Amino acid sequence: MKILKSLVLLLVFLAGGCSLDYEKDQTTPADQVPQLVFDHLRQTGVKDGRILYTMESDVAEVYQTKKQMRLKRFRFQEYDSHGASASQGEADEAAIDTVTNDAKISGRLKARSEEHRVTLEVGGGSSGSLTWANEDRILKTEQNAAVRLLKDDGSKIEASGLTLDLGSNKLELEDGVRGTWTPETKQDANTVAPSPPVPGSPY
């Protein structure tokens, strides 16, 4: 499983890195004013001379009093051991707790695994929000989120919610599940629904 954990991990890696200051707007409550703001931020993860991923954000804001980082309009690209594209995705916004590494991803999310030829889409607006509980390793959409899994062979499943437990490697699609999915093996045919691929940490 790759696409969802890639997104969460790459968001978390951004939370540690920069130190610039600017003047606060004294009319705004302190906890609503970011201490650091970066436009067109780009980060590249490298290990043993090999590029693991790249991530870009149109805007990155750090709120030190709330111990939070917010990313707006971000994109990521993950690479395999041969340097080819393994997965990529984009989302509207994310808020990351810099202490716990919990995160909330809001708005539209689209992520794709090249290996599995699977694309995950979560609808925009407030109904598209997902939460990541880092300690429990669980990714979950809010109620009535529009979830869609698409495969290159034409398979498609839609639902109104999703829970992904990375500890047990289990995916649950919730409410109004509909569509068809062509399994690749007999073992896949016995599962309730395909799990979006998720990689291990690049470090």
C-alpha atoms as a PDB file:
ATOM      1  CA  MET A   1       0.000   0.000   0.000  1.00  0.00           C
ATOM      2  CA  LYS A   2       1.563   3.325  -1.048  1.00  0.00           C
ATOM      3  CA  ILE A   3      -0.370   6.443  -1.864  1.00  0.00           C
ATOM      4  CA  LEU A   4      -1.935   7.511   1.446  1.00  0.00           C
ATOM      5  CA  LYS A   5       1.046   6.930   3.696  1.00  0.00           C
ATOM      6  CA  SER A   6       3.294   8.671   1.174  1.00  0.00           C
ATOM      7  CA  LEU A   7       1.224  11.794   1.547  1.00  0.00           C
ATOM      8  CA  VAL A   8       1.155  11.680   5.347  1.00  0.00           C
ATOM      9  CA  LEU A   9       4.889  10.987   5.672  1.00  0.00           C
ATOM     10  CA  LEU A  10       5.867  13.754   3.311  1.00  0.00           C
ATOM     11  CA  LEU A  11       3.685  16.231   5.166  1.00  0.00           C
ATOM     12  CA  VAL A  12       5.317  15.266   8.457  1.00  0.00           C
ATOM     13  CA  PHE A  13       8.851  15.646   7.057  1.00  0.00           C
ATOM     14  CA  LEU A  14       8.132  19.275   6.247  1.00  0.00           C
ATOM     15  CA  ALA A  15       7.376  20.149   9.845  1.00  0.00           C
ATOM     16  CA  GLY A  16      10.981  20.447  10.992  1.00  0.00           C
ATOM     17  CA  GLY A  17      12.909  22.649   8.702  1.00  0.00           C
ATOM     18  CA  CYS A  18      13.024  26.474   8.545  1.00  0.00           C
ATOM     19  CA  SER A  19      13.547  29.592  10.644  1.00  0.00           C
ATOM     20  CA  LEU A  20      12.529  33.023   9.410  1.00  0.00           C
ATOM     21  CA  ASP A  21      10.595  35.776  11.212  1.00  0.00           C
ATOM     22  CA  TYR A  22       8.310  38.558  10.079  1.00  0.00           C
ATOM     23  CA  GLU A  23       6.359  41.304  11.852  1.00  0.00           C
ATOM     24  CA  LYS A  24       3.050  40.277  13.422  1.00  0.00           C
ATOM     25  CA  ASP A  25      -0.204  42.040  12.759  1.00  0.00           C
ATOM     26  CA  GLN A  26      -0.973  43.388  16.233  1.00  0.00           C
ATOM     27  CA  THR A  27      -4.740  43.462  15.544  1.00  0.00           C
ATOM     28  CA  THR A  28      -4.903  39.674  15.073  1.00  0.00           C
ATOM     29  CA  PRO A  29      -4.813  37.198  18.001  1.00  0.00           C
ATOM     30  CA  ALA A  30      -1.323  35.781  18.384  1.00  0.00           C
ATOM     31  CA  ASP A  31      -2.379  32.165  17.867  1.00  0.00           C
ATOM     32  CA  GLN A  32      -3.872  33.089  14.473  1.00  0.00           C
ATOM     33  CA  VAL A  33      -0.707  34.700  13.152  1.00  0.00           C
ATOM     34  CA  PRO A  34       1.949  32.425  11.628  1.00  0.00           C
ATOM     35  CA  GLN A  35       5.489  33.068  12.815  1.00  0.00           C
ATOM     36  CA  LEU A  36       6.939  31.694   9.567  1.00  0.00           C
ATOM     37  CA  VAL A  37       5.496  31.917   6.054  1.00  0.00           C
ATOM     38  CA  PHE A  38       7.029  30.397   2.924  1.00  0.00           C
ATOM     39  CA  ASP A  39       5.814  30.837  -0.644  1.00  0.00           C
ATOM     40  CA  HIS A  40       6.463  28.134  -3.236  1.00  0.00           C
ATOM     41  CA  LEU A  41       8.261  25.856  -0.800  1.00  0.00           C
ATOM     42  CA  ARG A  42       9.941  22.790  -2.302  1.00  0.00           C
ATOM     43  CA  GLN A  43      11.538  19.905  -0.421  1.00  0.00           C
ATOM     44  CA  THR A  44      13.512  16.975  -1.799  1.00  0.00           C
ATOM     45  CA  GLY A  45      14.200  13.814   0.196  1.00  0.00           C
ATOM     46  CA  VAL A  46      17.522  12.128  -0.591  1.00  0.00           C
ATOM     47  CA  LYS A  47      19.085   8.954   0.794  1.00  0.00           C
ATOM     48  CA  ASP A  48      22.426   7.467  -0.297  1.00  0.00           C
ATOM     49  CA  GLY A  49      22.472   9.846  -3.245  1.00  0.00           C
ATOM     50  CA  ARG A  50      19.056   8.745  -4.479  1.00  0.00           C
ATOM     51  CA  ILE A  51      16.018  11.043  -4.635  1.00  0.00           C
ATOM     52  CA  LEU A  52      13.191   9.484  -2.634  1.00  0.00           C
ATOM     53  CA  TYR A  53      10.542  12.147  -3.084  1.00  0.00           C
ATOM     54  CA  THR A  54       9.863  15.751  -3.931  1.00  0.00           C
ATOM     55  CA  MET A  55       7.150  17.874  -2.379  1.00  0.00           C
ATOM     56  CA  GLU A  56       5.951  21.369  -3.227  1.00  0.00           C
ATOM     57  CA  SER A  57       3.553  23.699  -1.455  1.00  0.00           C
ATOM     58  CA  ASP A  58       2.262  27.032  -2.745  1.00  0.00           C
ATOM     59  CA  VAL A  59       2.164  28.331   0.832  1.00  0.00           C
ATOM     60  CA  ALA A  60       3.543  26.890   4.100  1.00  0.00           C
ATOM     61  CA  GLU A  61       2.710  28.572   7.432  1.00  0.00           C
ATOM     62  CA  VAL A  62       4.178  27.751  10.848  1.00  0.00           C
ATOM     63  CA  TYR A  63       2.192  28.573  14.014  1.00  0.00           C
ATOM     64  CA  GLN A  64       4.643  28.099  16.856  1.00  0.00           C
ATOM     65  CA  THR A  65       2.167  28.920  19.642  1.00  0.00           C
ATOM     66  CA  LYS A  66      -0.225  26.224  18.390  1.00  0.00           C
ATOM     67  CA  LYS A  67       2.634  23.910  17.361  1.00  0.00           C
ATOM     68  CA  GLN A  68       1.095  23.577  13.955  1.00  0.00           C
ATOM     69  CA  MET A  69       2.152  23.791  10.308  1.00  0.00           C
ATOM     70  CA  ARG A  70      -0.340  24.479   7.537  1.00  0.00           C
ATOM     71  CA  LEU A  71       0.294  23.657   3.892  1.00  0.00           C
ATOM     72  CA  LYS A  72      -1.824  25.003   1.054  1.00  0.00           C
ATOM     73  CA  ARG A  73      -2.073  23.539  -2.431  1.00  0.00           C
ATOM     74  CA  PHE A  74       0.633  20.929  -2.156  1.00  0.00           C
ATOM     75  CA  ARG A  75       1.898  18.223  -4.487  1.00  0.00           C
ATOM     76  CA  PHE A  76       4.170  15.241  -3.944  1.00  0.00           C
ATOM     77  CA  GLN A  77       6.071  12.781  -6.103  1.00  0.00           C
ATOM     78  CA  GLU A  78       7.650   9.554  -4.842  1.00  0.00           C
ATOM     79  CA  TYR A  79      10.315   7.614  -6.767  1.00  0.00           C
ATOM     80  CA  ASP A  80      11.214   3.931  -6.804  1.00  0.00           C
ATOM     81  CA  SER A  81      14.719   2.463  -6.477  1.00  0.00           C
ATOM     82  CA  HIS A  82      15.288   2.942 -10.222  1.00  0.00           C
ATOM     83  CA  GLY A  83      14.304   6.610 -10.171  1.00  0.00           C
ATOM     84  CA  ALA A  84      10.961   6.052 -11.882  1.00  0.00           C
ATOM     85  CA  SER A  85       7.710   7.529 -10.586  1.00  0.00           C
ATOM     86  CA  ALA A  86       6.180   5.300  -7.899  1.00  0.00           C
ATOM     87  CA  SER A  87       3.325   7.496  -6.693  1.00  0.00           C
ATOM     88  CA  GLN A  88       2.172  11.077  -6.857  1.00  0.00           C
ATOM     89  CA  GLY A  89      -0.629  13.176  -5.501  1.00  0.00           C
ATOM     90  CA  GLU A  90      -2.002  16.583  -4.667  1.00  0.00           C
ATOM     91  CA  ALA A  91      -4.314  18.093  -2.073  1.00  0.00           C
ATOM     92  CA  ASP A  92      -5.788  21.461  -1.210  1.00  0.00           C
ATOM     93  CA  GLU A  93      -4.666  21.944   2.383  1.00  0.00           C
ATOM     94  CA  ALA A  94      -3.225  20.188   5.435  1.00  0.00           C
ATOM     95  CA  ALA A  95      -2.727  21.127   9.091  1.00  0.00           C
ATOM     96  CA  ILE A  96      -0.003  19.184  10.934  1.00  0.00           C
ATOM     97  CA  ASP A  97       0.533  18.993  14.689  1.00  0.00           C
ATOM     98  CA  THR A  98       4.321  19.379  14.968  1.00  0.00           C
ATOM     99  CA  VAL A  99       4.420  17.582  18.341  1.00  0.00           C
ATOM    100  CA  THR A 100       2.309  14.483  17.618  1.00  0.00           C
ATOM    101  CA  ASN A 101       2.562  14.476  13.798  1.00  0.00           C
ATOM    102  CA  ASP A 102      -1.213  14.065  13.656  1.00  0.00           C
ATOM    103  CA  ALA A 103      -2.643  15.771  10.581  1.00  0.00           C
ATOM    104  CA  LYS A 104      -5.869  16.929   8.993  1.00  0.00           C
ATOM    105  CA  ILE A 105      -6.080  17.067   5.203  1.00  0.00           C
ATOM    106  CA  SER A 106      -8.880  19.289   3.912  1.00  0.00           C
ATOM    107  CA  GLY A 107     -10.526  19.797   0.552  1.00  0.00           C
ATOM    108  CA  ARG A 108      -9.784  17.790  -2.553  1.00  0.00           C
ATOM    109  CA  LEU A 109      -7.249  14.942  -2.442  1.00  0.00           C
ATOM    110  CA  LYS A 110      -6.005  12.934  -5.405  1.00  0.00           C
ATOM    111  CA  ALA A 111      -3.248  10.318  -5.187  1.00  0.00           C
ATOM    112  CA  ARG A 112      -2.035   7.608  -7.548  1.00  0.00           C
ATOM    113  CA  SER A 113       0.101   4.464  -7.321  1.00  0.00           C
ATOM    114  CA  GLU A 114       1.893   3.693 -10.583  1.00  0.00           C
ATOM    115  CA  GLU A 115       2.746   0.142  -9.459  1.00  0.00           C
ATOM    116  CA  HIS A 116      -0.869  -0.767  -8.776  1.00  0.00           C
ATOM    117  CA  ARG A 117      -2.361   1.532 -11.439  1.00  0.00           C
ATOM    118  CA  VAL A 118      -4.811   2.782  -8.816  1.00  0.00           C
ATOM    119  CA  THR A 119      -5.993   6.343  -8.201  1.00  0.00           C
ATOM    120  CA  LEU A 120      -7.671   7.520  -4.997  1.00  0.00           C
ATOM    121  CA  GLU A 121      -9.888  10.606  -5.038  1.00  0.00           C
ATOM    122  CA  VAL A 122     -11.529  12.267  -2.030  1.00  0.00           C
ATOM    123  CA  GLY A 123     -14.025  15.017  -2.855  1.00  0.00           C
ATOM    124  CA  GLY A 124     -13.440  18.684  -2.127  1.00  0.00           C
ATOM    125  CA  GLY A 125     -15.080  20.933   0.439  1.00  0.00           C
ATOM    126  CA  SER A 126     -15.481  20.203   4.135  1.00  0.00           C
ATOM    127  CA  SER A 127     -16.803  16.738   3.267  1.00  0.00           C
ATOM    128  CA  GLY A 128     -13.380  15.881   1.829  1.00  0.00           C
ATOM    129  CA  SER A 129     -11.479  16.139   5.123  1.00  0.00           C
ATOM    130  CA  LEU A 130      -9.277  13.298   6.375  1.00  0.00           C
ATOM    131  CA  THR A 131      -7.569  12.878   9.729  1.00  0.00           C
ATOM    132  CA  TRP A 132      -4.294  11.053  10.394  1.00  0.00           C
ATOM    133  CA  ALA A 133      -3.728   9.669  13.922  1.00  0.00           C
ATOM    134  CA  ASN A 134       0.020   9.128  13.938  1.00  0.00           C
ATOM    135  CA  GLU A 135       0.328   6.999  17.081  1.00  0.00           C
ATOM    136  CA  ASP A 136      -2.502   4.662  16.067  1.00  0.00           C
ATOM    137  CA  ARG A 137      -1.491   4.833  12.381  1.00  0.00           C
ATOM    138  CA  ILE A 138      -5.065   5.335  11.224  1.00  0.00           C
ATOM    139  CA  LEU A 139      -6.239   7.509   8.336  1.00  0.00           C
ATOM    140  CA  LYS A 140      -9.960   8.283   8.299  1.00  0.00           C
ATOM    141  CA  THR A 141     -12.295  10.513   6.325  1.00  0.00           C
ATOM    142  CA  GLU A 142     -15.038  12.559   7.897  1.00  0.00           C
ATOM    143  CA  GLN A 143     -18.617  11.322   7.557  1.00  0.00           C
ATOM    144  CA  ASN A 144     -20.180  11.559   4.109  1.00  0.00           C
ATOM    145  CA  ALA A 145     -16.882  12.206   2.349  1.00  0.00           C
ATOM    146  CA  ALA A 146     -16.996  11.370  -1.350  1.00  0.00           C
ATOM    147  CA  VAL A 147     -14.413   8.595  -1.860  1.00  0.00           C
ATOM    148  CA  ARG A 148     -13.543   7.032  -5.203  1.00  0.00           C
ATOM    149  CA  LEU A 149     -11.026   4.318  -6.128  1.00  0.00           C
ATOM    150  CA  LEU A 150     -10.211   3.987  -9.834  1.00  0.00           C
ATOM    151  CA  LYS A 151      -8.094   1.381 -11.611  1.00  0.00           C
ATOM    152  CA  ASP A 152      -6.670   1.640 -15.118  1.00  0.00           C
ATOM    153  CA  ASP A 153      -8.646  -1.411 -16.282  1.00  0.00           C
ATOM    154  CA  GLY A 154     -11.887   0.515 -15.730  1.00  0.00           C
ATOM    155  CA  SER A 155     -12.679  -0.794 -12.244  1.00  0.00           C
ATOM    156  CA  LYS A 156     -14.281   1.780  -9.964  1.00  0.00           C
ATOM    157  CA  ILE A 157     -15.572   1.787  -6.396  1.00  0.00           C
ATOM    158  CA  GLU A 158     -17.291   4.730  -4.715  1.00  0.00           C
ATOM    159  CA  ALA A 159     -18.212   5.174  -1.050  1.00  0.00           C
ATOM    160  CA  SER A 160     -19.127   7.826   1.509  1.00  0.00           C
ATOM    161  CA  GLY A 161     -16.221   7.258   3.848  1.00  0.00           C
ATOM    162  CA  LEU A 162     -12.924   5.470   4.310  1.00  0.00           C
ATOM    163  CA  THR A 163     -10.866   4.140   7.234  1.00  0.00           C
ATOM    164  CA  LEU A 164      -7.335   2.878   6.634  1.00  0.00           C
ATOM    165  CA  ASP A 165      -5.512   1.132   9.492  1.00  0.00           C
ATOM    166  CA  LEU A 166      -1.837   0.941   8.538  1.00  0.00           C
ATOM    167  CA  GLY A 167      -1.043  -1.164  11.589  1.00  0.00           C
ATOM    168  CA  SER A 168      -3.217  -4.038  10.414  1.00  0.00           C
ATOM    169  CA  ASN A 169      -3.003  -3.088   6.716  1.00  0.00           C
ATOM    170  CA  LYS A 170      -6.790  -2.976   6.522  1.00  0.00           C
ATOM    171  CA  LEU A 171      -9.032  -0.720   4.458  1.00  0.00           C
ATOM    172  CA  GLU A 172     -12.736  -0.203   5.142  1.00  0.00           C
ATOM    173  CA  LEU A 173     -15.066   1.646   2.788  1.00  0.00           C
ATOM    174  CA  GLU A 174     -18.131   2.994   4.540  1.00  0.00           C
ATOM    175  CA  ASP A 175     -21.740   3.729   3.549  1.00  0.00           C
ATOM    176  CA  GLY A 176     -23.132   3.546   0.046  1.00  0.00           C
ATOM    177  CA  VAL A 177     -20.353   1.372  -1.354  1.00  0.00           C
ATOM    178  CA  ARG A 178     -20.994   0.769  -5.035  1.00  0.00           C
ATOM    179  CA  GLY A 179     -19.151  -0.155  -8.204  1.00  0.00           C
ATOM    180  CA  THR A 180     -17.080  -3.034  -9.514  1.00  0.00           C
ATOM    181  CA  TRP A 181     -13.463  -4.068  -8.950  1.00  0.00           C
ATOM    182  CA  THR A 182     -11.454  -6.625 -10.891  1.00  0.00           C
ATOM    183  CA  PRO A 183      -9.104  -8.472  -8.505  1.00  0.00           C
ATOM    184  CA  GLU A 184      -5.631  -9.376  -9.690  1.00  0.00           C
ATOM    185  CA  THR A 185      -5.428 -12.666  -7.767  1.00  0.00           C
ATOM    186  CA  LYS A 186      -7.745 -15.122  -6.037  1.00  0.00           C
ATOM    187  CA  GLN A 187      -6.539 -13.767  -2.706  1.00  0.00           C
ATOM    188  CA  ASP A 188      -7.616 -10.261  -3.769  1.00  0.00           C
ATOM    189  CA  ALA A 189     -11.039 -11.605  -4.669  1.00  0.00           C
ATOM    190  CA  ASN A 190     -11.572 -12.651  -1.033  1.00  0.00           C
ATOM    191  CA  THR A 191     -10.995  -9.143   0.308  1.00  0.00           C
ATOM    192  CA  VAL A 192     -13.856  -6.738   0.872  1.00  0.00           C
ATOM    193  CA  ALA A 193     -12.173  -3.918  -1.013  1.00  0.00           C
ATOM    194  CA  PRO A 194      -8.700  -3.145  -2.395  1.00  0.00           C
ATOM    195  CA  SER A 195      -6.325  -1.293  -0.104  1.00  0.00           C
ATOM    196  CA  PRO A 196      -4.559   1.744  -1.544  1.00  0.00           C
ATOM    197  CA  PRO A 197      -0.829   0.981  -1.648  1.00  0.00           C
ATOM    198  CA  VAL A 198       1.235   2.561   1.134  1.00  0.00           C
ATOM    199  CA  PRO A 199       5.044   2.544   1.331  1.00  0.00           C
ATOM    200  CA  GLY A 200       7.245   2.267   4.355  1.00  0.00           C
ATOM    201  CA  SER A 201       9.059   5.343   5.574  1.00  0.00           C
ATOM    202  CA  PRO A 202      11.815   6.394   3.187  1.00  0.00           C
ATOM    203  CA  TYR A 203      14.211   6.638   6.146  1.00  0.00           C
END
